[in-house]
Amino acid sequence: MKYIKDFHDGDRIGDIYLCKHKQSAVTKTGKPYDNVILQDKTGAIDAKIWEPNSAGIEDFDALDYVDITGDVSVFNGALQVSIKRVRKCREGEYDPREYLPVSQYPIDEMYTQLLALVDSIENEYLKKLLNMFFREDEDFIKKFKNSSAAKSVHHGFVGGLLEHTLSVTKLCNYYCKHYPILERDLLLSAAMLHDIAKTKELSAFPVNDYTEEGNFLGHIVMGVEMVGEKIRQIDGFPTLLESEIKHCIVAHHGEYEYGSPKKPAIIEAVALNYADDIDAKMETFKEMLEGTTETGWLGFNRLFDSNVRGTVI
């Protein structure tokens, strides 16, 4: 198939894409048309159906996979597709993996690395807790491997939650080597558990949007609930240790204005907060640089509250 990233002005395309969005509209003269966003694993592009009632334009909805014929042109400085023919595809005509953004790293390899870190935990209660999530809960494991870490800000792709969690845990493992005062078992366990409720906060792809539960509670509150539910099944789990692991989760955003109910009160919570923040910011900046062909100064970025510049090598 011809991927969206390879589209150029003047191309005639004919292939299957995911319809991410569809909305009917009218021109200033009252003529009906459809706004459509097409997506594959390399990106998305705006499209228009200027003759929605013409022959060759079959019915379809948002999140359908559609076989389209259309022309690529430039409008207001951006590529756009004018759809001439379209039909809804049947299951089996397409591979969903071709249409969803996915981690650049093999998901099973990342998960194997995460399990090796679980195995490195010496505290019997924390190891049991981690195994209950990452080895015994098949429904959780499936969702965890395929979830994103955010709707759009960073790691917003299939496997993004796993990639982010593994990265944060590796950073924390380094911190433990550099700062021996840190309690490794506690910090690494908290790192692996800090975002587990993203599996509930965000819906599965291709939607990847906030769920009702996610909007009402958020992943921090739900994460504490999930950990508490497992801990209640572990006989003799130390009360203080439970409070410490939960505190690391509720404090991992660091500040009240960033959604943390508590600020970090133990050194492991401080370390987790910074590991989480640095990984999110590095990925955000990386995705920003990969998403532009501009060089030099890129303009003001609200996430970094600064005029940002790409590195020139």
C-alpha atoms as a PDB file:
ATOM      1  CA  MET A   1       0.000   0.000   0.000  1.00  0.00           C
ATOM      2  CA  LYS A   2       1.011   3.618  -0.419  1.00  0.00           C
ATOM      3  CA  TYR A   3       1.493   5.114   3.039  1.00  0.00           C
ATOM      4  CA  ILE A   4       0.239   8.593   3.847  1.00  0.00           C
ATOM      5  CA  LYS A   5       3.757   9.800   4.657  1.00  0.00           C
ATOM      6  CA  ASP A   6       4.672   9.113   1.015  1.00  0.00           C
ATOM      7  CA  PHE A   7       1.825  11.170  -0.521  1.00  0.00           C
ATOM      8  CA  HIS A   8       2.832  14.004  -2.836  1.00  0.00           C
ATOM      9  CA  ASP A   9       0.995  16.767  -4.661  1.00  0.00           C
ATOM     10  CA  GLY A  10      -0.504  15.365  -7.856  1.00  0.00           C
ATOM     11  CA  ASP A  11      -0.647  11.709  -6.751  1.00  0.00           C
ATOM     12  CA  ARG A  12      -3.610   9.539  -7.703  1.00  0.00           C
ATOM     13  CA  ILE A  13      -4.137   7.064  -4.871  1.00  0.00           C
ATOM     14  CA  GLY A  14      -6.181   3.893  -4.665  1.00  0.00           C
ATOM     15  CA  ASP A  15      -5.893   1.871  -1.495  1.00  0.00           C
ATOM     16  CA  ILE A  16      -7.452   1.025   1.884  1.00  0.00           C
ATOM     17  CA  TYR A  17      -7.252   3.477   4.801  1.00  0.00           C
ATOM     18  CA  LEU A  18      -8.881   3.901   8.201  1.00  0.00           C
ATOM     19  CA  CYS A  19     -11.539   6.603   8.356  1.00  0.00           C
ATOM     20  CA  LYS A  20     -10.579   8.347  11.600  1.00  0.00           C
ATOM     21  CA  HIS A  21     -13.278  11.029  11.304  1.00  0.00           C
ATOM     22  CA  LYS A  22     -16.250  11.846   9.088  1.00  0.00           C
ATOM     23  CA  GLN A  23     -18.563  14.841   9.259  1.00  0.00           C
ATOM     24  CA  SER A  24     -21.103  16.245   6.827  1.00  0.00           C
ATOM     25  CA  ALA A  25     -20.957  19.951   6.006  1.00  0.00           C
ATOM     26  CA  VAL A  26     -22.136  22.503   3.440  1.00  0.00           C
ATOM     27  CA  THR A  27     -20.275  25.053   1.364  1.00  0.00           C
ATOM     28  CA  LYS A  28     -21.038  28.778   1.480  1.00  0.00           C
ATOM     29  CA  THR A  29     -23.362  28.215  -1.455  1.00  0.00           C
ATOM     30  CA  GLY A  30     -25.247  25.461   0.378  1.00  0.00           C
ATOM     31  CA  LYS A  31     -23.718  22.520  -1.477  1.00  0.00           C
ATOM     32  CA  PRO A  32     -23.229  19.410   0.721  1.00  0.00           C
ATOM     33  CA  TYR A  33     -19.832  17.757   1.151  1.00  0.00           C
ATOM     34  CA  ASP A  34     -18.080  15.484   3.668  1.00  0.00           C
ATOM     35  CA  ASN A  35     -15.022  16.209   5.787  1.00  0.00           C
ATOM     36  CA  VAL A  36     -12.969  13.040   6.276  1.00  0.00           C
ATOM     37  CA  ILE A  37      -9.706  12.242   8.026  1.00  0.00           C
ATOM     38  CA  LEU A  38      -7.847   9.212   6.679  1.00  0.00           C
ATOM     39  CA  GLN A  39      -5.217   7.416   8.758  1.00  0.00           C
ATOM     40  CA  ASP A  40      -2.604   4.724   8.489  1.00  0.00           C
ATOM     41  CA  LYS A  41       0.300   3.818  10.761  1.00  0.00           C
ATOM     42  CA  THR A  42       2.442   6.607   9.276  1.00  0.00           C
ATOM     43  CA  GLY A  43       0.035   9.479   9.895  1.00  0.00           C
ATOM     44  CA  ALA A  44      -3.262  11.111   8.964  1.00  0.00           C
ATOM     45  CA  ILE A  45      -4.472  13.394   6.183  1.00  0.00           C
ATOM     46  CA  ASP A  46      -7.473  15.639   5.594  1.00  0.00           C
ATOM     47  CA  ALA A  47      -9.817  14.522   2.811  1.00  0.00           C
ATOM     48  CA  LYS A  48     -12.980  15.808   1.160  1.00  0.00           C
ATOM     49  CA  ILE A  49     -15.875  14.186  -0.658  1.00  0.00           C
ATOM     50  CA  TRP A  50     -17.203  17.023  -2.792  1.00  0.00           C
ATOM     51  CA  GLU A  51     -19.959  14.924  -4.397  1.00  0.00           C
ATOM     52  CA  PRO A  52     -21.246  12.726  -1.525  1.00  0.00           C
ATOM     53  CA  ASN A  53     -24.367  11.648  -3.428  1.00  0.00           C
ATOM     54  CA  SER A  54     -22.623  10.663  -6.646  1.00  0.00           C
ATOM     55  CA  ALA A  55     -22.178   7.156  -8.037  1.00  0.00           C
ATOM     56  CA  GLY A  56     -19.197   5.360  -6.542  1.00  0.00           C
ATOM     57  CA  ILE A  57     -19.561   6.972  -3.104  1.00  0.00           C
ATOM     58  CA  GLU A  58     -20.865   4.207  -0.826  1.00  0.00           C
ATOM     59  CA  ASP A  59     -22.043   4.642   2.762  1.00  0.00           C
ATOM     60  CA  PHE A  60     -19.418   4.420   5.531  1.00  0.00           C
ATOM     61  CA  ASP A  61     -18.831   5.820   9.007  1.00  0.00           C
ATOM     62  CA  ALA A  62     -15.974   6.960  11.203  1.00  0.00           C
ATOM     63  CA  LEU A  63     -13.692   4.049  12.261  1.00  0.00           C
ATOM     64  CA  ASP A  64     -14.585   2.049   9.164  1.00  0.00           C
ATOM     65  CA  TYR A  65     -11.822   0.813   6.877  1.00  0.00           C
ATOM     66  CA  VAL A  66     -12.472   2.210   3.400  1.00  0.00           C
ATOM     67  CA  ASP A  67     -11.116   1.510  -0.069  1.00  0.00           C
ATOM     68  CA  ILE A  68     -10.736   4.892  -1.751  1.00  0.00           C
ATOM     69  CA  THR A  69      -9.711   6.374  -5.060  1.00  0.00           C
ATOM     70  CA  GLY A  70      -8.717  10.006  -4.935  1.00  0.00           C
ATOM     71  CA  ASP A  71      -6.374  12.803  -5.924  1.00  0.00           C
ATOM     72  CA  VAL A  72      -3.770  14.464  -3.688  1.00  0.00           C
ATOM     73  CA  SER A  73      -3.361  18.240  -3.889  1.00  0.00           C
ATOM     74  CA  VAL A  74      -2.091  21.113  -1.750  1.00  0.00           C
ATOM     75  CA  PHE A  75      -4.580  23.353   0.072  1.00  0.00           C
ATOM     76  CA  ASN A  76      -3.492  26.131   2.436  1.00  0.00           C
ATOM     77  CA  GLY A  77       0.008  24.698   2.520  1.00  0.00           C
ATOM     78  CA  ALA A  78      -1.037  21.147   3.475  1.00  0.00           C
ATOM     79  CA  LEU A  79      -1.757  18.010   1.474  1.00  0.00           C
ATOM     80  CA  GLN A  80      -5.400  17.051   1.045  1.00  0.00           C
ATOM     81  CA  VAL A  81      -7.190  14.190  -0.694  1.00  0.00           C
ATOM     82  CA  SER A  82     -10.203  14.684  -2.944  1.00  0.00           C
ATOM     83  CA  ILE A  83     -12.069  11.363  -2.748  1.00  0.00           C
ATOM     84  CA  LYS A  84     -13.657  10.264  -6.036  1.00  0.00           C
ATOM     85  CA  ARG A  85     -14.757   6.737  -5.144  1.00  0.00           C
ATOM     86  CA  VAL A  86     -15.113   4.965  -1.800  1.00  0.00           C
ATOM     87  CA  ARG A  87     -16.476   1.728  -0.414  1.00  0.00           C
ATOM     88  CA  LYS A  88     -16.551   0.192   3.057  1.00  0.00           C
ATOM     89  CA  CYS A  89     -14.197  -2.794   3.370  1.00  0.00           C
ATOM     90  CA  ARG A  90     -15.070  -6.168   4.783  1.00  0.00           C
ATOM     91  CA  GLU A  91     -13.132  -7.783   7.627  1.00  0.00           C
ATOM     92  CA  GLY A  92     -10.221  -9.723   6.198  1.00  0.00           C
ATOM     93  CA  GLU A  93      -9.477  -7.217   3.453  1.00  0.00           C
ATOM     94  CA  TYR A  94      -7.111  -5.255   5.670  1.00  0.00           C
ATOM     95  CA  ASP A  95      -4.531  -5.737   8.421  1.00  0.00           C
ATOM     96  CA  PRO A  96      -5.379  -3.357  11.328  1.00  0.00           C
ATOM     97  CA  ARG A  97      -1.690  -3.152  12.225  1.00  0.00           C
ATOM     98  CA  GLU A  98      -1.109  -1.171   9.012  1.00  0.00           C
ATOM     99  CA  TYR A  99      -3.430   1.591  10.193  1.00  0.00           C
ATOM    100  CA  LEU A 100      -2.498   2.215  13.802  1.00  0.00           C
ATOM    101  CA  PRO A 101       0.528   4.104  15.126  1.00  0.00           C
ATOM    102  CA  VAL A 102       2.793   1.585  16.847  1.00  0.00           C
ATOM    103  CA  SER A 103       5.985   1.624  18.900  1.00  0.00           C
ATOM    104  CA  GLN A 104       9.221   1.428  16.937  1.00  0.00           C
ATOM    105  CA  TYR A 105      10.369  -1.302  19.348  1.00  0.00           C
ATOM    106  CA  PRO A 106       9.070  -4.922  19.253  1.00  0.00           C
ATOM    107  CA  ILE A 107       6.354  -5.215  21.897  1.00  0.00           C
ATOM    108  CA  ASP A 108       7.202  -8.773  22.971  1.00  0.00           C
ATOM    109  CA  GLU A 109      10.885  -7.886  23.387  1.00  0.00           C
ATOM    110  CA  MET A 110      10.000  -4.904  25.567  1.00  0.00           C
ATOM    111  CA  TYR A 111       7.700  -7.044  27.673  1.00  0.00           C
ATOM    112  CA  THR A 112      10.444  -9.642  28.152  1.00  0.00           C
ATOM    113  CA  GLN A 113      12.721  -6.868  29.422  1.00  0.00           C
ATOM    114  CA  LEU A 114      10.007  -5.709  31.828  1.00  0.00           C
ATOM    115  CA  LEU A 115       9.541  -9.250  33.191  1.00  0.00           C
ATOM    116  CA  ALA A 116      13.295  -9.496  33.774  1.00  0.00           C
ATOM    117  CA  LEU A 117      13.026  -6.391  35.959  1.00  0.00           C
ATOM    118  CA  VAL A 118      10.103  -7.980  37.818  1.00  0.00           C
ATOM    119  CA  ASP A 119      12.307 -11.017  38.464  1.00  0.00           C
ATOM    120  CA  SER A 120      15.043  -8.777  39.872  1.00  0.00           C
ATOM    121  CA  ILE A 121      12.797  -7.640  42.751  1.00  0.00           C
ATOM    122  CA  GLU A 122      13.813  -9.315  46.013  1.00  0.00           C
ATOM    123  CA  ASN A 123      10.959  -8.266  48.315  1.00  0.00           C
ATOM    124  CA  GLU A 124       8.525 -11.191  48.299  1.00  0.00           C
ATOM    125  CA  TYR A 125       5.420  -9.032  48.689  1.00  0.00           C
ATOM    126  CA  LEU A 126       6.317  -6.607  45.917  1.00  0.00           C
ATOM    127  CA  LYS A 127       7.333  -9.443  43.584  1.00  0.00           C
ATOM    128  CA  LYS A 128       4.001 -11.171  44.227  1.00  0.00           C
ATOM    129  CA  LEU A 129       2.137  -7.935  43.527  1.00  0.00           C
ATOM    130  CA  LEU A 130       3.999  -7.389  40.253  1.00  0.00           C
ATOM    131  CA  ASN A 131       3.507 -10.978  39.118  1.00  0.00           C
ATOM    132  CA  MET A 132      -0.223 -10.717  39.790  1.00  0.00           C
ATOM    133  CA  PHE A 133      -0.376  -7.935  37.215  1.00  0.00           C
ATOM    134  CA  PHE A 134       2.314  -8.761  34.690  1.00  0.00           C
ATOM    135  CA  ARG A 135       2.204 -12.587  34.650  1.00  0.00           C
ATOM    136  CA  GLU A 136      -1.155 -13.750  35.996  1.00  0.00           C
ATOM    137  CA  ASP A 137      -3.745 -11.214  34.810  1.00  0.00           C
ATOM    138  CA  GLU A 138      -4.186 -12.100  31.133  1.00  0.00           C
ATOM    139  CA  ASP A 139      -6.788  -9.405  30.443  1.00  0.00           C
ATOM    140  CA  PHE A 140      -4.557  -6.723  31.968  1.00  0.00           C
ATOM    141  CA  ILE A 141      -1.475  -7.986  30.102  1.00  0.00           C
ATOM    142  CA  LYS A 142      -3.253  -7.796  26.730  1.00  0.00           C
ATOM    143  CA  LYS A 143      -4.440  -4.244  27.383  1.00  0.00           C
ATOM    144  CA  PHE A 144      -1.098  -3.144  28.841  1.00  0.00           C
ATOM    145  CA  LYS A 145       0.825  -4.331  25.771  1.00  0.00           C
ATOM    146  CA  ASN A 146      -1.486  -2.542  23.341  1.00  0.00           C
ATOM    147  CA  SER A 147      -2.357   0.673  25.208  1.00  0.00           C
ATOM    148  CA  SER A 148      -0.925   4.109  24.626  1.00  0.00           C
ATOM    149  CA  ALA A 149       0.547   6.224  27.402  1.00  0.00           C
ATOM    150  CA  ALA A 150      -1.467   9.304  26.411  1.00  0.00           C
ATOM    151  CA  LYS A 151      -4.135  10.481  24.017  1.00  0.00           C
ATOM    152  CA  SER A 152      -1.719  12.703  22.107  1.00  0.00           C
ATOM    153  CA  VAL A 153       1.049  14.335  24.195  1.00  0.00           C
ATOM    154  CA  HIS A 154       3.604  11.496  24.331  1.00  0.00           C
ATOM    155  CA  HIS A 155       3.766   7.780  23.541  1.00  0.00           C
ATOM    156  CA  GLY A 156       0.330   8.025  21.898  1.00  0.00           C
ATOM    157  CA  PHE A 157       0.649   4.762  19.973  1.00  0.00           C
ATOM    158  CA  VAL A 158       0.125   1.008  20.321  1.00  0.00           C
ATOM    159  CA  GLY A 159       2.734  -0.213  22.790  1.00  0.00           C
ATOM    160  CA  GLY A 160       3.293   3.318  24.055  1.00  0.00           C
ATOM    161  CA  LEU A 161       2.323   2.510  27.645  1.00  0.00           C
ATOM    162  CA  LEU A 162       4.734  -0.444  27.725  1.00  0.00           C
ATOM    163  CA  GLU A 163       7.530   1.591  26.099  1.00  0.00           C
ATOM    164  CA  HIS A 164       7.070   4.462  28.574  1.00  0.00           C
ATOM    165  CA  THR A 165       6.828   2.148  31.600  1.00  0.00           C
ATOM    166  CA  LEU A 166       9.960   0.236  30.604  1.00  0.00           C
ATOM    167  CA  SER A 167      11.870   3.466  29.997  1.00  0.00           C
ATOM    168  CA  VAL A 168      10.842   4.969  33.346  1.00  0.00           C
ATOM    169  CA  THR A 169      11.774   1.735  35.143  1.00  0.00           C
ATOM    170  CA  LYS A 170      15.198   1.654  33.478  1.00  0.00           C
ATOM    171  CA  LEU A 171      15.808   5.272  34.476  1.00  0.00           C
ATOM    172  CA  CYS A 172      14.871   4.410  38.057  1.00  0.00           C
ATOM    173  CA  ASN A 173      17.194   1.411  37.970  1.00  0.00           C
ATOM    174  CA  TYR A 174      20.030   3.763  36.974  1.00  0.00           C
ATOM    175  CA  TYR A 175      19.084   6.165  39.770  1.00  0.00           C
ATOM    176  CA  CYS A 176      19.405   3.308  42.264  1.00  0.00           C
ATOM    177  CA  LYS A 177      22.956   2.602  41.100  1.00  0.00           C
ATOM    178  CA  HIS A 178      23.933   6.272  41.252  1.00  0.00           C
ATOM    179  CA  TYR A 179      22.096   7.026  44.529  1.00  0.00           C
ATOM    180  CA  PRO A 180      22.371   3.946  46.789  1.00  0.00           C
ATOM    181  CA  ILE A 181      20.103   5.600  49.367  1.00  0.00           C
ATOM    182  CA  LEU A 182      17.123   4.696  47.162  1.00  0.00           C
ATOM    183  CA  GLU A 183      15.188   1.544  48.066  1.00  0.00           C
ATOM    184  CA  ARG A 184      15.428  -0.282  44.728  1.00  0.00           C
ATOM    185  CA  ASP A 185      12.591  -2.761  45.209  1.00  0.00           C
ATOM    186  CA  LEU A 186      10.155  -0.013  46.157  1.00  0.00           C
ATOM    187  CA  LEU A 187      11.199   2.405  43.414  1.00  0.00           C
ATOM    188  CA  LEU A 188      11.256  -0.111  40.561  1.00  0.00           C
ATOM    189  CA  SER A 189       7.938  -1.608  41.659  1.00  0.00           C
ATOM    190  CA  ALA A 190       6.365   1.845  41.740  1.00  0.00           C
ATOM    191  CA  ALA A 191       7.837   2.631  38.325  1.00  0.00           C
ATOM    192  CA  MET A 192       6.286  -0.495  36.809  1.00  0.00           C
ATOM    193  CA  LEU A 193       2.916   0.238  38.432  1.00  0.00           C
ATOM    194  CA  HIS A 194       2.688   4.032  38.164  1.00  0.00           C
ATOM    195  CA  ASP A 195       0.633   4.141  34.937  1.00  0.00           C
ATOM    196  CA  ILE A 196      -1.155   0.775  34.974  1.00  0.00           C
ATOM    197  CA  ALA A 197      -4.571   2.448  35.011  1.00  0.00           C
ATOM    198  CA  LYS A 198      -3.910   4.001  31.594  1.00  0.00           C
ATOM    199  CA  THR A 199      -5.385   0.655  30.482  1.00  0.00           C
ATOM    200  CA  LYS A 200      -8.699   1.929  31.897  1.00  0.00           C
ATOM    201  CA  GLU A 201      -8.316   5.682  31.424  1.00  0.00           C
ATOM    202  CA  LEU A 202      -7.953   5.425  27.633  1.00  0.00           C
ATOM    203  CA  SER A 203     -10.026   3.344  25.243  1.00  0.00           C
ATOM    204  CA  ALA A 204      -8.418   0.904  22.844  1.00  0.00           C
ATOM    205  CA  PHE A 205      -7.197   1.897  19.411  1.00  0.00           C
ATOM    206  CA  PRO A 206      -8.274   3.130  16.957  1.00  0.00           C
ATOM    207  CA  VAL A 207     -10.329   5.405  19.240  1.00  0.00           C
ATOM    208  CA  ASN A 208      -7.665   6.035  21.942  1.00  0.00           C
ATOM    209  CA  ASP A 209      -9.808   8.559  23.802  1.00  0.00           C
ATOM    210  CA  TYR A 210     -10.742   9.094  27.440  1.00  0.00           C
ATOM    211  CA  THR A 211     -13.284   6.642  28.834  1.00  0.00           C
ATOM    212  CA  GLU A 212     -16.107   7.615  31.182  1.00  0.00           C
ATOM    213  CA  GLU A 213     -14.123   6.194  34.102  1.00  0.00           C
ATOM    214  CA  GLY A 214     -11.015   7.975  32.877  1.00  0.00           C
ATOM    215  CA  ASN A 215     -12.773  11.331  32.728  1.00  0.00           C
ATOM    216  CA  PHE A 216     -14.358  10.906  36.158  1.00  0.00           C
ATOM    217  CA  LEU A 217     -11.374   9.496  38.069  1.00  0.00           C
ATOM    218  CA  GLY A 218      -8.148   9.559  36.054  1.00  0.00           C
ATOM    219  CA  HIS A 219      -5.351   7.020  35.993  1.00  0.00           C
ATOM    220  CA  ILE A 220      -3.766   8.054  39.310  1.00  0.00           C
ATOM    221  CA  VAL A 221      -6.870   7.342  41.388  1.00  0.00           C
ATOM    222  CA  MET A 222      -7.704   4.218  39.419  1.00  0.00           C
ATOM    223  CA  GLY A 223      -4.116   3.001  39.687  1.00  0.00           C
ATOM    224  CA  VAL A 224      -4.236   3.151  43.477  1.00  0.00           C
ATOM    225  CA  GLU A 225      -7.532   1.260  43.396  1.00  0.00           C
ATOM    226  CA  MET A 226      -6.069  -1.456  41.158  1.00  0.00           C
ATOM    227  CA  VAL A 227      -3.017  -1.883  43.388  1.00  0.00           C
ATOM    228  CA  GLY A 228      -5.180  -1.986  46.525  1.00  0.00           C
ATOM    229  CA  GLU A 229      -7.386  -4.664  45.004  1.00  0.00           C
ATOM    230  CA  LYS A 230      -4.406  -6.948  44.330  1.00  0.00           C
ATOM    231  CA  ILE A 231      -2.781  -6.251  47.707  1.00  0.00           C
ATOM    232  CA  ARG A 232      -5.953  -7.394  49.494  1.00  0.00           C
ATOM    233  CA  GLN A 233      -5.336 -10.833  47.950  1.00  0.00           C
ATOM    234  CA  ILE A 234      -1.787 -11.073  49.377  1.00  0.00           C
ATOM    235  CA  ASP A 235      -1.690 -12.367  52.952  1.00  0.00           C
ATOM    236  CA  GLY A 236       0.445 -10.330  55.301  1.00  0.00           C
ATOM    237  CA  PHE A 237       1.297  -7.505  52.897  1.00  0.00           C
ATOM    238  CA  PRO A 238       2.957  -4.880  55.159  1.00  0.00           C
ATOM    239  CA  THR A 239       0.755  -1.859  55.816  1.00  0.00           C
ATOM    240  CA  LEU A 240       3.610   0.649  55.579  1.00  0.00           C
ATOM    241  CA  LEU A 241       4.850  -0.845  52.327  1.00  0.00           C
ATOM    242  CA  GLU A 242       1.332  -0.592  50.886  1.00  0.00           C
ATOM    243  CA  SER A 243       1.192   3.088  51.838  1.00  0.00           C
ATOM    244  CA  GLU A 244       4.614   3.737  50.307  1.00  0.00           C
ATOM    245  CA  ILE A 245       3.816   2.088  46.966  1.00  0.00           C
ATOM    246  CA  LYS A 246       0.469   3.893  46.762  1.00  0.00           C
ATOM    247  CA  HIS A 247       2.113   7.202  47.702  1.00  0.00           C
ATOM    248  CA  CYS A 248       4.601   6.847  44.848  1.00  0.00           C
ATOM    249  CA  ILE A 249       1.685   6.394  42.453  1.00  0.00           C
ATOM    250  CA  VAL A 250      -0.389   9.339  43.726  1.00  0.00           C
ATOM    251  CA  ALA A 251       2.666  11.626  43.778  1.00  0.00           C
ATOM    252  CA  HIS A 252       4.256  10.684  40.458  1.00  0.00           C
ATOM    253  CA  HIS A 253       3.073  13.848  38.673  1.00  0.00           C
ATOM    254  CA  GLY A 254       4.843  15.877  41.333  1.00  0.00           C
ATOM    255  CA  GLU A 255       2.546  18.896  41.640  1.00  0.00           C
ATOM    256  CA  TYR A 256      -1.118  19.474  42.453  1.00  0.00           C
ATOM    257  CA  GLU A 257      -1.640  21.422  39.219  1.00  0.00           C
ATOM    258  CA  TYR A 258      -0.372  18.432  37.238  1.00  0.00           C
ATOM    259  CA  GLY A 259      -2.935  16.106  38.794  1.00  0.00           C
ATOM    260  CA  SER A 260      -1.111  14.605  41.774  1.00  0.00           C
ATOM    261  CA  PRO A 261      -3.284  14.416  44.938  1.00  0.00           C
ATOM    262  CA  LYS A 262      -0.078  14.506  47.001  1.00  0.00           C
ATOM    263  CA  LYS A 263       3.409  15.904  46.477  1.00  0.00           C
ATOM    264  CA  PRO A 264       6.346  13.482  46.851  1.00  0.00           C
ATOM    265  CA  ALA A 265       7.077  12.829  50.525  1.00  0.00           C
ATOM    266  CA  ILE A 266       9.662  10.039  50.264  1.00  0.00           C
ATOM    267  CA  ILE A 267      12.830   9.945  48.211  1.00  0.00           C
ATOM    268  CA  GLU A 268      11.577   7.130  45.970  1.00  0.00           C
ATOM    269  CA  ALA A 269       8.533   9.221  45.031  1.00  0.00           C
ATOM    270  CA  VAL A 270      10.835  12.113  44.099  1.00  0.00           C
ATOM    271  CA  ALA A 271      12.920   9.844  41.886  1.00  0.00           C
ATOM    272  CA  LEU A 272       9.825   8.388  40.192  1.00  0.00           C
ATOM    273  CA  ASN A 273       8.404  11.860  39.537  1.00  0.00           C
ATOM    274  CA  TYR A 274      11.542  12.995  37.741  1.00  0.00           C
ATOM    275  CA  ALA A 275      11.977   9.746  35.802  1.00  0.00           C
ATOM    276  CA  ASP A 276       8.372   9.958  34.593  1.00  0.00           C
ATOM    277  CA  ASP A 277       8.742  13.624  33.682  1.00  0.00           C
ATOM    278  CA  ILE A 278      12.028  13.281  31.792  1.00  0.00           C
ATOM    279  CA  ASP A 279      10.826  10.325  29.732  1.00  0.00           C
ATOM    280  CA  ALA A 280       7.581  12.086  28.810  1.00  0.00           C
ATOM    281  CA  LYS A 281       9.401  15.304  27.842  1.00  0.00           C
ATOM    282  CA  MET A 282      12.099  13.552  25.798  1.00  0.00           C
ATOM    283  CA  GLU A 283       9.491  11.571  23.862  1.00  0.00           C
ATOM    284  CA  THR A 284       7.361  14.685  23.327  1.00  0.00           C
ATOM    285  CA  PHE A 285      10.330  16.614  21.930  1.00  0.00           C
ATOM    286  CA  LYS A 286      11.385  13.643  19.779  1.00  0.00           C
ATOM    287  CA  GLU A 287       7.907  13.290  18.293  1.00  0.00           C
ATOM    288  CA  MET A 288       7.804  17.032  17.623  1.00  0.00           C
ATOM    289  CA  LEU A 289      11.110  16.911  15.727  1.00  0.00           C
ATOM    290  CA  GLU A 290      10.083  13.809  13.777  1.00  0.00           C
ATOM    291  CA  GLY A 291       6.806  15.463  12.803  1.00  0.00           C
ATOM    292  CA  THR A 292       8.328  18.467  11.045  1.00  0.00           C
ATOM    293  CA  THR A 293      10.594  19.106   8.079  1.00  0.00           C
ATOM    294  CA  GLU A 294      11.420  22.594   9.338  1.00  0.00           C
ATOM    295  CA  THR A 295      14.939  23.424  10.502  1.00  0.00           C
ATOM    296  CA  GLY A 296      16.211  25.972  13.004  1.00  0.00           C
ATOM    297  CA  TRP A 297      13.740  27.687  15.329  1.00  0.00           C
ATOM    298  CA  LEU A 298      10.364  25.950  15.331  1.00  0.00           C
ATOM    299  CA  GLY A 299       8.303  28.541  17.204  1.00  0.00           C
ATOM    300  CA  PHE A 300       6.655  28.648  20.628  1.00  0.00           C
ATOM    301  CA  ASN A 301       5.664  25.325  22.145  1.00  0.00           C
ATOM    302  CA  ARG A 302       3.160  25.521  24.998  1.00  0.00           C
ATOM    303  CA  LEU A 303       4.224  22.196  26.515  1.00  0.00           C
ATOM    304  CA  PHE A 304       7.763  23.465  26.996  1.00  0.00           C
ATOM    305  CA  ASP A 305       6.680  27.104  27.478  1.00  0.00           C
ATOM    306  CA  SER A 306       9.499  28.145  25.171  1.00  0.00           C
ATOM    307  CA  ASN A 307      10.450  28.948  21.612  1.00  0.00           C
ATOM    308  CA  VAL A 308      12.083  25.638  20.626  1.00  0.00           C
ATOM    309  CA  ARG A 309      14.780  24.734  18.125  1.00  0.00           C
ATOM    310  CA  GLY A 310      15.767  21.530  16.430  1.00  0.00           C
ATOM    311  CA  THR A 311      19.318  20.309  16.788  1.00  0.00           C
ATOM    312  CA  VAL A 312      21.418  21.041  13.729  1.00  0.00           C
ATOM    313  CA  ILE A 313      24.178  18.500  13.151  1.00  0.00           C
END
